[in-house]
Amino acid sequence: MAYRCVLLVILLAAATQMNSVHTTILTASPETYVSGVTANLTLKCSPGETIGVVSNIAVFQLSKSGKLLATGKPTEVILGDGLRTNKYSAAQQIDPNNLNNSFLLFTILFPEEEDEGTYKCDMNYEDKQHFLKHAECEFNLAQNASDGISVQKRVDQTLQQVENLMTRINKLETQVFTLVTENNNQSQTINELSSKASSHVGFFVTLSDKLTIHEKDVVQFDSVKLNNGSAYNDTSGVFVAPRSGFHVLNLVCEIHCDASIRMEMMLQVNGTTIIKLFVSGADVARGSQQSGSLVYDIPKGSEVKVVVGQIQTDSDATVQLIGDSLSYFSGYFLG
């Protein structure tokens, strides 16, 4: 009789373990919906806090009013009978190595009034003591009462928002057009200033030191004081006219020689002499300065340079052009 009592106690304990009910978690995203407006809604069934006692999940089941909607097993998911696959779908994940992230998903596309109601999630599992257990949870899915303002009102609100957006876009387009116009005006002003600046061609060059000269030498004035328009080349000593028109040209030469001398300094345009400075005398050791200026119509691209002309001396004395701004070459565009 004692053995039967012990066996009865063990059976009662096992029955208690079998019938013990825990709670799962059933959620919806979004939690409410608007018929004809909400694109999709997903119900998720998961172990919740029960996971602490779970060693293995046998099955998830989702139902509504006693009708089975979806079944999730470790190896498969089954959609309930009679459910349209273009409206309802199900997915599951039951990983023995990651039970905490196990779930059953049930998705409704464009939920309607008929989808409103109480949904139930059931989970059968094996606990840490290898007893078969059951957990469940319910969720009441309802339409959004606050959005019962009607789909038409939502459409009207959306249209108003679109109209406001278009107004802002039109304002932005006007601002962009204004900025583009201002930018074009500024570009035109810059071009006009650049054009004016390019018309203000001018140069003033001298020698950094005295220069020994010979017949037919092109004098290279190497000390550039001004070169607006970059038309003068201090390496060649040549000014190239960037545009056609009248130019004012100036030439000043300070000549030094220890003997009696007779010589010419020439200002040439394209090889044609337009000015000659004549130096003559026996007392040039102290220097003799000659200068000349003129206005001349110079075609664009013409080369203007200073060339040493014929030199006659009583001996082979050195002839020098004195620097330090005592000899210089200058010119500018007149128009």
Protein backbone atom coordinates (compact mmCIF):
# COMPACT_ATOMS: atom_id res chain seq x y z
CA MET A 1 0.00 0.00 0.00
CA ALA A 2 2.90 2.36 0.75
CA TYR A 3 4.36 1.76 -2.73
CA ARG A 4 1.06 2.70 -4.34
CA CYS A 5 0.97 6.00 -2.37
CA VAL A 6 4.47 6.91 -3.50
CA LEU A 7 3.61 6.12 -7.11
CA LEU A 8 0.46 8.21 -6.86
CA VAL A 9 2.44 11.19 -5.52
CA ILE A 10 4.95 10.90 -8.37
CA LEU A 11 2.18 10.75 -10.95
CA LEU A 12 0.42 13.76 -9.45
CA ALA A 13 3.68 15.74 -9.51
CA ALA A 14 4.25 14.84 -13.14
CA ALA A 15 0.70 15.84 -14.01
CA THR A 16 1.22 19.17 -12.28
CA GLN A 17 4.38 19.78 -14.33
CA MET A 18 2.57 18.84 -17.54
CA ASN A 19 -0.37 21.17 -16.93
CA SER A 20 1.59 24.16 -15.59
CA VAL A 21 0.84 27.14 -17.88
CA HIS A 22 3.35 29.93 -18.57
CA THR A 23 3.04 33.08 -20.64
CA THR A 24 4.46 33.82 -24.10
CA ILE A 25 4.65 37.25 -25.74
CA LEU A 26 2.41 38.19 -28.65
CA THR A 27 2.96 41.61 -30.21
CA ALA A 28 1.72 43.44 -33.30
CA SER A 29 3.55 45.98 -35.44
CA PRO A 30 1.88 48.38 -35.76
CA GLU A 31 -0.29 47.81 -32.70
CA THR A 32 -3.38 49.23 -34.43
CA TYR A 33 -4.28 49.73 -38.08
CA VAL A 34 -6.50 51.68 -40.43
CA SER A 35 -8.44 49.58 -42.90
CA GLY A 36 -7.44 50.34 -46.47
CA VAL A 37 -4.55 52.55 -45.34
CA THR A 38 -2.12 50.40 -43.35
CA ALA A 39 0.05 48.54 -45.89
CA ASN A 40 0.99 45.59 -43.71
CA LEU A 41 0.80 44.38 -40.13
CA THR A 42 2.89 41.66 -38.49
CA LEU A 43 2.06 39.60 -35.40
CA LYS A 44 5.03 38.11 -33.58
CA CYS A 45 4.85 35.20 -31.14
CA SER A 46 7.97 34.67 -28.98
CA PRO A 47 8.87 32.86 -25.70
CA GLY A 48 9.23 35.99 -23.60
CA GLU A 49 10.26 35.45 -19.98
CA THR A 50 9.45 31.73 -20.34
CA ILE A 51 12.78 31.34 -22.15
CA GLY A 52 14.49 31.03 -18.77
CA VAL A 53 13.02 27.56 -18.26
CA VAL A 54 12.98 26.38 -21.88
CA SER A 55 15.41 23.71 -23.09
CA ASN A 56 13.69 23.03 -26.41
CA ILE A 57 10.75 24.48 -28.37
CA ALA A 58 8.49 21.97 -30.06
CA VAL A 59 5.98 24.20 -31.81
CA PHE A 60 4.47 27.71 -32.06
CA GLN A 61 0.81 28.11 -33.04
CA LEU A 62 -1.12 31.27 -33.83
CA SER A 63 -4.91 31.25 -33.89
CA LYS A 64 -7.87 33.63 -33.94
CA SER A 65 -11.25 32.70 -32.48
CA GLY A 66 -10.26 29.04 -32.49
CA LYS A 67 -9.13 29.08 -36.17
CA LEU A 68 -5.52 28.00 -36.67
CA LEU A 69 -3.63 30.63 -38.71
CA ALA A 70 -0.02 29.46 -38.64
CA THR A 71 2.13 26.70 -37.16
CA GLY A 72 5.87 27.04 -36.67
CA LYS A 73 8.05 24.00 -36.09
CA PRO A 74 11.85 23.77 -35.93
CA THR A 75 12.01 22.62 -39.55
CA GLU A 76 8.93 24.15 -41.19
CA VAL A 77 6.18 26.73 -41.06
CA ILE A 78 2.61 25.94 -42.12
CA LEU A 79 -0.04 28.49 -43.09
CA GLY A 80 -3.56 27.75 -41.92
CA ASP A 81 -6.04 26.09 -44.26
CA GLY A 82 -8.07 28.38 -46.49
CA LEU A 83 -5.88 31.45 -45.99
CA ARG A 84 -5.06 33.47 -49.10
CA THR A 85 -1.31 33.48 -49.71
CA ASN A 86 -1.50 36.85 -51.46
CA LYS A 87 -2.80 38.41 -48.23
CA TYR A 88 -1.36 36.26 -45.43
CA SER A 89 2.14 34.86 -44.92
CA ALA A 90 4.07 33.22 -42.11
CA ALA A 91 7.71 32.74 -41.13
CA GLN A 92 9.47 31.09 -38.20
CA GLN A 93 12.84 30.78 -36.55
CA ILE A 94 13.46 28.06 -33.98
CA ASP A 95 17.16 27.60 -33.35
CA PRO A 96 18.08 25.14 -30.57
CA ASN A 97 21.34 27.03 -30.12
CA ASN A 98 19.62 30.41 -29.85
CA LEU A 99 16.17 29.87 -28.36
CA ASN A 100 16.01 33.44 -27.09
CA ASN A 101 15.63 34.65 -30.70
CA SER A 102 13.00 32.09 -31.67
CA PHE A 103 9.68 33.35 -33.01
CA LEU A 104 6.69 32.84 -35.29
CA LEU A 105 5.68 35.72 -37.59
CA PHE A 106 2.28 36.17 -39.20
CA THR A 107 1.93 39.04 -41.70
CA ILE A 108 -1.30 40.56 -43.01
CA LEU A 109 -1.19 42.71 -46.14
CA PHE A 110 -3.59 45.66 -46.04
CA PRO A 111 -5.53 44.44 -42.97
CA GLU A 112 -9.28 44.87 -43.18
CA GLU A 113 -12.15 44.96 -40.71
CA GLU A 114 -12.36 41.15 -40.73
CA ASP A 115 -8.81 40.94 -39.35
CA GLU A 116 -9.82 42.71 -36.15
CA GLY A 117 -10.15 40.46 -33.09
CA THR A 118 -8.34 38.44 -30.42
CA TYR A 119 -5.27 36.47 -31.49
CA LYS A 120 -3.70 33.71 -29.40
CA CYS A 121 -0.12 32.46 -29.37
CA ASP A 122 0.54 28.91 -28.05
CA MET A 123 3.98 27.44 -27.48
CA ASN A 124 4.71 23.82 -26.53
CA TYR A 125 8.18 23.33 -25.13
CA GLU A 126 10.39 21.11 -22.98
CA ASP A 127 11.69 22.64 -19.77
CA LYS A 128 15.05 22.17 -18.06
CA GLN A 129 13.78 19.04 -16.24
CA HIS A 130 12.61 17.63 -19.61
CA PHE A 131 8.93 18.02 -18.77
CA LEU A 132 6.57 18.99 -21.60
CA LYS A 133 5.13 22.45 -20.93
CA HIS A 134 2.69 24.84 -22.53
CA ALA A 135 2.72 28.66 -22.66
CA GLU A 136 0.20 31.01 -24.21
CA CYS A 137 -0.71 34.66 -24.68
CA GLU A 138 -3.50 36.68 -26.30
CA PHE A 139 -3.48 40.00 -28.16
CA ASN A 140 -6.51 42.06 -29.09
CA LEU A 141 -5.94 43.60 -32.53
CA ALA A 142 -8.15 46.59 -33.26
CA GLN A 143 -8.48 49.35 -35.80
CA ASN A 144 -7.22 52.75 -34.78
CA ALA A 145 -10.26 54.54 -33.40
CA SER A 146 -8.54 57.92 -33.56
CA ASP A 147 -8.02 57.34 -37.27
CA GLY A 148 -11.67 56.68 -37.83
CA ILE A 149 -11.62 60.17 -39.29
CA SER A 150 -11.96 58.42 -42.65
CA VAL A 151 -9.62 57.63 -45.43
CA GLN A 152 -10.90 60.61 -47.43
CA LYS A 153 -9.78 63.00 -44.70
CA ARG A 154 -6.35 61.39 -44.72
CA VAL A 155 -6.23 61.83 -48.49
CA ASP A 156 -7.26 65.48 -48.11
CA GLN A 157 -4.55 66.02 -45.50
CA THR A 158 -1.98 64.39 -47.77
CA LEU A 159 -3.05 66.53 -50.71
CA GLN A 160 -2.73 69.63 -48.54
CA GLN A 161 0.77 68.58 -47.51
CA VAL A 162 1.67 68.04 -51.17
CA GLU A 163 0.28 71.48 -52.03
CA ASN A 164 2.33 73.06 -49.25
CA LEU A 165 5.40 71.21 -50.48
CA MET A 166 4.84 72.43 -54.04
CA THR A 167 4.54 75.99 -52.74
CA ARG A 168 7.88 75.63 -50.98
CA ILE A 169 9.41 74.14 -54.14
CA ASN A 170 8.13 77.09 -56.19
CA LYS A 171 9.66 79.52 -53.70
CA LEU A 172 12.96 77.63 -53.85
CA GLU A 173 12.87 77.71 -57.66
CA THR A 174 12.31 81.47 -57.52
CA GLN A 175 15.24 81.86 -55.13
CA VAL A 176 17.43 79.68 -57.34
CA PHE A 177 16.46 81.72 -60.42
CA THR A 178 17.30 84.93 -58.55
CA LEU A 179 20.69 83.51 -57.50
CA VAL A 180 21.44 82.37 -61.05
CA THR A 181 20.51 85.81 -62.39
CA GLU A 182 22.72 87.52 -59.81
CA ASN A 183 25.54 85.12 -60.61
CA ASN A 184 25.20 85.85 -64.34
CA ASN A 185 25.25 89.57 -63.62
CA GLN A 186 28.35 89.17 -61.47
CA SER A 187 30.01 87.08 -64.18
CA GLN A 188 29.21 89.75 -66.74
CA THR A 189 30.66 92.42 -64.44
CA ILE A 190 33.79 90.34 -63.92
CA ASN A 191 34.15 89.86 -67.68
CA GLU A 192 33.75 93.59 -68.23
CA LEU A 193 36.35 94.35 -65.58
CA SER A 194 38.66 91.72 -67.06
CA SER A 195 38.18 93.25 -70.48
CA LYS A 196 38.98 96.70 -69.12
CA ALA A 197 41.97 95.35 -67.24
CA SER A 198 43.27 93.63 -70.36
CA SER A 199 42.93 96.92 -72.25
CA HIS A 200 45.18 98.65 -69.68
CA VAL A 201 48.34 97.16 -71.10
CA GLY A 202 51.48 98.87 -69.91
CA PHE A 203 55.11 98.21 -69.01
CA PHE A 204 58.10 99.98 -67.52
CA VAL A 205 61.49 98.25 -67.56
CA THR A 206 65.06 99.26 -66.78
CA LEU A 207 68.47 97.69 -66.15
CA SER A 208 69.55 96.17 -62.87
CA ASP A 209 73.21 97.00 -63.73
CA LYS A 210 75.26 98.57 -66.51
CA LEU A 211 75.20 96.57 -69.75
CA THR A 212 77.98 96.24 -72.33
CA ILE A 213 76.45 96.62 -75.81
CA HIS A 214 77.43 95.84 -79.38
CA GLU A 215 76.01 96.60 -82.80
CA LYS A 216 72.69 94.83 -83.55
CA ASP A 217 72.19 93.75 -79.91
CA VAL A 218 68.59 93.62 -78.68
CA VAL A 219 68.69 95.35 -75.30
CA GLN A 220 67.26 93.11 -72.62
CA PHE A 221 65.91 95.37 -69.91
CA ASP A 222 65.94 92.85 -67.05
CA SER A 223 64.51 94.91 -64.19
CA VAL A 224 60.72 94.89 -64.62
CA LYS A 225 58.97 97.62 -62.64
CA LEU A 226 55.58 97.24 -64.33
CA ASN A 227 54.21 94.64 -66.76
CA ASN A 228 50.42 94.93 -66.80
CA GLY A 229 49.11 92.39 -69.28
CA SER A 230 52.43 90.45 -69.22
CA ALA A 231 53.20 91.63 -72.77
CA TYR A 232 56.89 92.38 -72.14
CA ASN A 233 59.39 89.48 -72.04
CA ASP A 234 62.44 90.33 -69.93
CA THR A 235 64.34 87.35 -71.34
CA SER A 236 64.11 88.46 -74.98
CA GLY A 237 63.68 92.19 -74.32
CA VAL A 238 60.64 92.21 -76.66
CA PHE A 239 57.19 93.70 -76.08
CA VAL A 240 54.43 91.91 -78.05
CA ALA A 241 51.30 94.02 -78.54
CA PRO A 242 48.29 92.05 -77.22
CA ARG A 243 45.82 94.15 -79.23
CA SER A 244 45.81 96.59 -82.11
CA GLY A 245 45.70 100.31 -81.49
CA PHE A 246 47.68 103.37 -80.60
CA HIS A 247 50.49 102.93 -78.08
CA VAL A 248 52.65 105.49 -76.30
CA LEU A 249 56.33 104.44 -76.30
CA ASN A 250 59.27 105.97 -74.38
CA LEU A 251 62.99 105.22 -74.62
CA VAL A 252 65.76 106.75 -72.46
CA CYS A 253 69.41 105.66 -72.87
CA GLU A 254 72.42 106.69 -70.77
CA ILE A 255 75.59 105.82 -72.76
CA HIS A 256 79.10 105.54 -71.27
CA CYS A 257 82.34 105.18 -73.21
CA ASP A 258 86.01 106.07 -72.47
CA ALA A 259 86.67 107.18 -76.05
CA SER A 260 85.17 109.45 -78.65
CA ILE A 261 81.99 107.82 -79.93
CA ARG A 262 79.29 108.10 -82.55
CA MET A 263 76.40 105.66 -82.26
CA GLU A 264 72.64 105.07 -82.54
CA MET A 265 70.02 103.42 -80.35
CA MET A 266 66.90 102.36 -82.29
CA LEU A 267 63.33 101.60 -81.30
CA GLN A 268 61.86 99.10 -83.77
CA VAL A 269 58.41 97.68 -84.53
CA ASN A 270 58.56 94.41 -86.47
CA GLY A 271 62.13 95.27 -87.55
CA THR A 272 61.22 98.78 -88.74
CA THR A 273 62.99 101.63 -86.94
CA ILE A 274 60.54 104.25 -85.69
CA ILE A 275 62.90 106.20 -83.36
CA LYS A 276 66.67 106.77 -83.42
CA LEU A 277 68.60 108.21 -80.49
CA PHE A 278 71.94 109.63 -81.64
CA VAL A 279 74.98 109.83 -79.32
CA SER A 280 78.13 111.63 -80.40
CA GLY A 281 81.09 113.27 -78.68
CA ALA A 282 84.45 112.85 -77.07
CA ASP A 283 83.33 113.41 -73.49
CA VAL A 284 81.01 110.40 -73.01
CA ALA A 285 83.06 108.97 -70.15
CA ARG A 286 80.85 110.85 -67.76
CA GLY A 287 77.76 109.57 -69.62
CA SER A 288 75.47 110.95 -72.26
CA GLN A 289 71.69 110.55 -71.95
CA GLN A 290 69.28 110.68 -74.88
CA SER A 291 65.50 110.13 -74.90
CA GLY A 292 62.58 109.92 -77.24
CA SER A 293 58.77 109.42 -77.09
CA LEU A 294 56.04 108.91 -79.63
CA VAL A 295 52.50 107.64 -80.26
CA TYR A 296 52.39 104.84 -82.77
CA ASP A 297 49.65 102.65 -84.25
CA ILE A 298 50.80 99.09 -83.55
CA PRO A 299 48.99 96.01 -84.94
CA LYS A 300 48.20 93.14 -82.59
CA GLY A 301 51.09 90.66 -82.26
CA SER A 302 53.72 93.16 -83.35
CA GLU A 303 57.17 92.95 -81.73
CA VAL A 304 58.57 96.14 -80.23
CA LYS A 305 62.22 96.20 -79.11
CA VAL A 306 65.29 98.37 -78.56
CA VAL A 307 68.21 97.58 -80.89
CA VAL A 308 71.80 98.88 -80.83
CA GLY A 309 72.60 100.61 -84.13
CA GLN A 310 75.94 101.45 -85.71
CA ILE A 311 78.81 102.15 -83.26
CA GLN A 312 81.90 104.18 -84.25
CA THR A 313 84.77 104.86 -81.81
CA ASP A 314 88.39 106.02 -82.05
CA SER A 315 89.52 102.75 -80.48
CA ASP A 316 88.12 99.41 -79.30
CA ALA A 317 86.71 101.06 -76.20
CA THR A 318 83.82 99.40 -74.38
CA VAL A 319 80.39 100.95 -74.81
CA GLN A 320 77.98 100.54 -71.93
CA LEU A 321 74.33 101.28 -71.30
CA ILE A 322 74.03 102.56 -67.72
CA GLY A 323 71.41 100.99 -65.46
CA ASP A 324 69.96 102.13 -62.12
CA SER A 325 66.91 103.63 -63.89
CA LEU A 326 69.10 105.95 -65.96
CA SER A 327 68.19 103.88 -69.00
CA TYR A 328 64.64 102.57 -69.41
CA PHE A 329 61.99 101.45 -71.89
CA SER A 330 58.26 101.94 -71.33
CA GLY A 331 54.95 101.94 -73.14
CA TYR A 332 51.20 101.61 -72.72
CA PHE A 333 48.07 101.04 -74.77
CA LEU A 334 46.29 104.29 -75.58
CA GLY A 335 43.29 103.03 -77.51
